[in-house]
N, C-alpha and C. Protein backbone atom coordinates (compact mmCIF):
# COMPACT_ATOMS: atom_id res chain seq x y z
N MET A 1 -13.61 16.86 8.43
CA MET A 1 -12.49 16.13 8.54
C MET A 1 -12.26 15.46 9.89
N ASN A 2 -12.54 14.32 9.83
CA ASN A 2 -12.22 13.34 10.89
C ASN A 2 -10.75 13.10 11.23
N ASN A 3 -9.97 12.57 10.20
CA ASN A 3 -8.79 12.02 10.68
C ASN A 3 -7.94 12.39 9.53
N ILE A 4 -6.87 12.09 9.67
CA ILE A 4 -5.38 12.81 8.64
C ILE A 4 -4.52 11.30 8.71
N SER A 5 -3.74 10.63 8.04
CA SER A 5 -2.75 9.73 7.87
C SER A 5 -1.71 10.28 6.78
N HIS A 6 -0.44 10.13 7.17
CA HIS A 6 0.34 10.87 5.92
C HIS A 6 1.10 9.31 5.46
N ASN A 7 1.72 9.53 4.32
CA ASN A 7 2.32 8.58 3.67
C ASN A 7 3.63 8.65 4.00
N TYR A 8 4.68 7.33 4.51
CA TYR A 8 5.71 7.45 4.87
C TYR A 8 6.94 7.09 3.71
N PHE A 9 6.58 7.12 2.56
CA PHE A 9 7.07 7.18 1.14
C PHE A 9 7.22 8.29 0.53
N ASN A 10 6.38 9.09 0.25
CA ASN A 10 6.34 10.25 -0.29
C ASN A 10 5.41 11.37 0.14
N ASP A 11 5.18 12.33 -0.84
CA ASP A 11 4.44 13.78 0.02
C ASP A 11 3.08 13.75 -0.31
N GLN A 12 2.42 12.55 0.45
CA GLN A 12 1.09 12.58 0.34
C GLN A 12 0.40 12.31 1.47
N PHE A 13 -0.83 12.60 1.70
CA PHE A 13 -1.67 12.19 3.12
C PHE A 13 -3.16 12.07 2.61
N VAL A 14 -3.57 11.50 3.36
CA VAL A 14 -5.36 11.16 3.11
C VAL A 14 -6.12 11.74 4.51
N SER A 15 -7.13 12.09 4.14
CA SER A 15 -7.94 12.75 5.04
C SER A 15 -9.25 12.00 5.30
N SER A 16 -10.02 11.77 6.12
CA SER A 16 -11.47 11.36 6.10
C SER A 16 -12.47 12.29 6.48
N GLY A 17 -13.62 11.97 6.21
CA GLY A 17 -14.74 12.88 6.60
C GLY A 17 -16.12 12.23 5.65
N GLU A 18 -16.59 12.72 5.04
CA GLU A 18 -17.84 12.42 4.04
C GLU A 18 -17.22 11.35 3.20
N THR A 19 -16.10 11.59 2.48
CA THR A 19 -15.12 10.58 1.51
C THR A 19 -13.58 10.80 2.32
N ILE A 20 -13.21 9.74 1.55
CA ILE A 20 -11.62 9.80 1.54
C ILE A 20 -10.82 10.44 0.58
N GLN A 21 -10.39 11.27 1.15
CA GLN A 21 -9.87 12.47 0.05
C GLN A 21 -7.83 12.18 0.11
N LEU A 22 -7.53 11.83 -1.14
CA LEU A 22 -6.05 12.05 -1.24
C LEU A 22 -5.41 13.35 -1.83
N TRP A 23 -4.36 13.90 -0.84
CA TRP A 23 -3.96 15.38 -0.92
C TRP A 23 -2.34 15.11 -1.24
N ASN A 24 -1.92 16.07 -1.74
CA ASN A 24 -0.52 16.09 -2.04
C ASN A 24 0.13 17.35 -1.27
N TYR A 25 0.99 17.33 -0.44
CA TYR A 25 1.37 18.79 0.41
C TYR A 25 1.64 19.87 -0.42
N ASN A 26 1.79 19.95 -1.62
CA ASN A 26 2.18 21.12 -2.56
C ASN A 26 0.96 21.23 -3.30
N ARG A 27 -0.18 20.92 -2.70
CA ARG A 27 -1.57 21.28 -3.43
C ARG A 27 -2.49 22.00 -2.64
N SER A 28 -3.55 22.74 -3.10
CA SER A 28 -4.68 23.44 -2.17
C SER A 28 -5.96 22.30 -2.44
N GLN A 29 -5.77 21.47 -3.36
CA GLN A 29 -6.99 20.76 -3.73
C GLN A 29 -6.68 19.18 -3.70
N PRO A 30 -7.76 18.60 -3.39
CA PRO A 30 -7.34 17.08 -3.29
C PRO A 30 -7.03 16.42 -4.42
N ILE A 31 -6.01 15.47 -4.71
CA ILE A 31 -5.68 14.67 -6.03
C ILE A 31 -6.98 13.98 -6.24
N SER A 32 -7.57 12.89 -5.49
CA SER A 32 -8.41 12.19 -5.59
C SER A 32 -9.55 11.93 -4.54
N ARG A 33 -10.90 11.79 -4.76
CA ARG A 33 -11.63 11.28 -3.53
C ARG A 33 -12.13 9.99 -4.09
N ILE A 34 -12.08 8.81 -2.98
CA ILE A 34 -12.56 7.74 -2.77
C ILE A 34 -13.95 7.43 -1.85
N GLU A 35 -14.90 6.72 -2.27
CA GLU A 35 -15.84 6.37 -1.24
C GLU A 35 -16.42 5.08 -1.71
N TRP A 36 -17.13 4.32 -0.88
CA TRP A 36 -17.76 3.17 -0.85
C TRP A 36 -18.35 2.63 0.19
N GLY A 37 -19.88 3.66 -0.20
CA GLY A 37 -21.30 3.19 0.21
C GLY A 37 -21.20 3.62 1.80
N ALA A 38 -20.14 4.34 2.65
CA ALA A 38 -20.37 4.80 3.88
C ALA A 38 -21.24 6.18 3.88
N ASP A 39 -21.97 6.45 4.90
CA ASP A 39 -22.32 7.79 5.24
C ASP A 39 -21.24 8.55 5.74
N SER A 40 -20.18 8.08 6.54
CA SER A 40 -19.05 8.90 6.99
C SER A 40 -17.97 8.20 7.11
N VAL A 41 -16.88 8.53 7.21
CA VAL A 41 -15.69 8.02 7.08
C VAL A 41 -15.15 8.35 8.69
N LEU A 42 -14.81 7.60 9.49
CA LEU A 42 -14.32 7.91 10.88
C LEU A 42 -12.80 7.98 10.69
N ALA A 43 -12.22 7.12 10.49
CA ALA A 43 -10.82 7.12 10.49
C ALA A 43 -10.41 6.35 8.93
N VAL A 44 -8.77 6.83 8.87
CA VAL A 44 -8.09 6.09 7.66
C VAL A 44 -6.59 6.19 8.09
N LYS A 45 -6.19 5.08 7.49
CA LYS A 45 -4.44 4.93 8.00
C LYS A 45 -3.77 4.50 6.84
N TYR A 46 -2.78 4.81 6.26
CA TYR A 46 -1.93 4.16 5.50
C TYR A 46 -1.23 3.01 6.09
N ASN A 47 -0.91 2.02 5.21
CA ASN A 47 -0.01 0.82 5.70
C ASN A 47 1.17 1.36 5.71
N PRO A 48 2.08 1.08 6.82
CA PRO A 48 3.28 1.57 7.07
C PRO A 48 4.37 0.83 5.90
N SER A 49 4.16 -0.45 5.77
CA SER A 49 5.04 -1.06 4.98
C SER A 49 4.72 -1.05 3.40
N GLU A 50 3.45 -0.90 2.96
CA GLU A 50 2.91 -0.95 1.54
C GLU A 50 2.37 0.60 1.25
N GLU A 51 3.15 1.12 0.57
CA GLU A 51 2.77 2.80 0.21
C GLU A 51 1.27 2.97 -0.28
N ASN A 52 0.76 1.91 -1.24
CA ASN A 52 -0.62 2.04 -1.94
C ASN A 52 -1.78 1.57 -1.27
N ILE A 53 -1.46 1.17 -0.15
CA ILE A 53 -2.55 0.70 0.70
C ILE A 53 -3.13 1.16 1.77
N ILE A 54 -4.49 1.66 1.84
CA ILE A 54 -4.97 2.39 3.15
C ILE A 54 -6.03 1.53 3.43
N ALA A 55 -6.44 1.82 4.89
CA ALA A 55 -7.58 1.16 5.45
C ALA A 55 -8.55 2.48 5.98
N SER A 56 -9.88 2.32 5.96
CA SER A 56 -10.79 2.97 6.62
C SER A 56 -11.61 2.48 7.62
N THR A 57 -12.34 3.27 8.39
CA THR A 57 -13.51 2.52 9.16
C THR A 57 -14.69 3.55 8.86
N GLY A 58 -15.69 2.90 9.10
CA GLY A 58 -16.68 3.69 8.77
C GLY A 58 -17.97 3.79 9.53
N ILE A 59 -18.90 4.66 9.55
CA ILE A 59 -19.76 4.54 10.79
C ILE A 59 -20.88 3.73 10.60
N ASP A 60 -21.06 2.79 9.31
CA ASP A 60 -21.84 1.94 9.07
C ASP A 60 -21.10 0.60 9.71
N ARG A 61 -19.89 0.82 10.68
CA ARG A 61 -19.42 -0.30 11.21
C ARG A 61 -18.66 -1.13 9.99
N SER A 62 -18.01 -0.55 9.19
CA SER A 62 -17.46 -1.37 8.32
C SER A 62 -15.77 -0.81 8.21
N ILE A 63 -14.86 -2.04 7.86
CA ILE A 63 -13.62 -1.47 7.59
C ILE A 63 -13.59 -1.73 5.92
N VAL A 64 -12.91 -0.95 5.67
CA VAL A 64 -12.70 -1.20 3.89
C VAL A 64 -11.19 -0.77 3.98
N LEU A 65 -10.65 -1.79 3.03
CA LEU A 65 -9.22 -1.80 2.31
C LEU A 65 -9.44 -1.12 0.82
N TYR A 66 -8.15 -0.26 0.57
CA TYR A 66 -8.22 0.53 -0.63
C TYR A 66 -6.67 0.47 -1.24
N ASP A 67 -6.71 0.05 -2.43
CA ASP A 67 -5.37 0.09 -3.33
C ASP A 67 -5.43 1.53 -4.11
N LEU A 68 -4.50 2.38 -3.82
CA LEU A 68 -4.66 3.76 -4.64
C LEU A 68 -4.34 3.53 -5.84
N ARG A 69 -3.86 2.25 -6.33
CA ARG A 69 -3.26 2.09 -7.65
C ARG A 69 -4.46 1.87 -8.33
N GLN A 70 -5.52 1.32 -8.14
CA GLN A 70 -6.78 0.88 -8.57
C GLN A 70 -7.92 1.82 -8.40
N SER A 71 -8.95 1.86 -9.25
CA SER A 71 -10.05 2.84 -9.30
C SER A 71 -11.20 2.08 -8.02
N ASN A 72 -11.19 0.96 -7.69
CA ASN A 72 -12.18 0.38 -6.73
C ASN A 72 -11.48 0.13 -5.58
N PRO A 73 -12.27 -0.01 -4.61
CA PRO A 73 -11.93 -0.40 -3.37
C PRO A 73 -11.43 -2.03 -3.31
N ILE A 74 -10.51 -2.53 -2.65
CA ILE A 74 -10.14 -3.82 -2.74
C ILE A 74 -11.27 -4.96 -1.89
N LYS A 75 -11.55 -4.74 -0.45
CA LYS A 75 -12.36 -5.19 0.36
C LYS A 75 -13.33 -4.25 1.19
N LYS A 76 -14.71 -4.40 1.57
CA LYS A 76 -15.25 -4.16 2.65
C LYS A 76 -15.83 -5.19 3.57
N ILE A 77 -15.77 -5.03 5.15
CA ILE A 77 -15.98 -5.86 5.99
C ILE A 77 -16.87 -5.02 6.74
N GLU A 78 -17.98 -5.88 6.83
CA GLU A 78 -18.92 -5.02 8.05
C GLU A 78 -19.06 -6.11 9.35
N LEU A 79 -18.87 -5.14 10.54
CA LEU A 79 -18.86 -5.97 11.74
C LEU A 79 -19.85 -5.73 12.45
N SER A 80 -19.92 -6.72 13.45
CA SER A 80 -21.61 -6.65 14.07
C SER A 80 -21.38 -5.53 15.39
N ASN A 81 -19.97 -5.13 15.49
CA ASN A 81 -19.76 -3.86 16.56
C ASN A 81 -19.07 -2.84 15.91
N LYS A 82 -19.36 -1.80 16.70
CA LYS A 82 -18.61 -0.54 16.02
C LYS A 82 -16.83 -0.89 15.79
N ALA A 83 -16.45 -0.22 14.86
CA ALA A 83 -14.75 -0.57 14.55
C ALA A 83 -14.00 0.23 15.29
């Protein structure tokens, strides 16, 4: 696990590692796992104003936006330098 970010609006948090995992504070197993082509996710962060949007940076120099209401990520951007 590389990084953790909590949701400001409810009792959920996300963790990063090989995949992004969505957790509830009251459970011992993740609610869901999210991935989109990166070997490893370095950091993940909840949007402080929109409770269902998270962003992540990958080891492949990518930034990915996710909407937790959808099954697919919103957008992936690959950078020429490290994120």
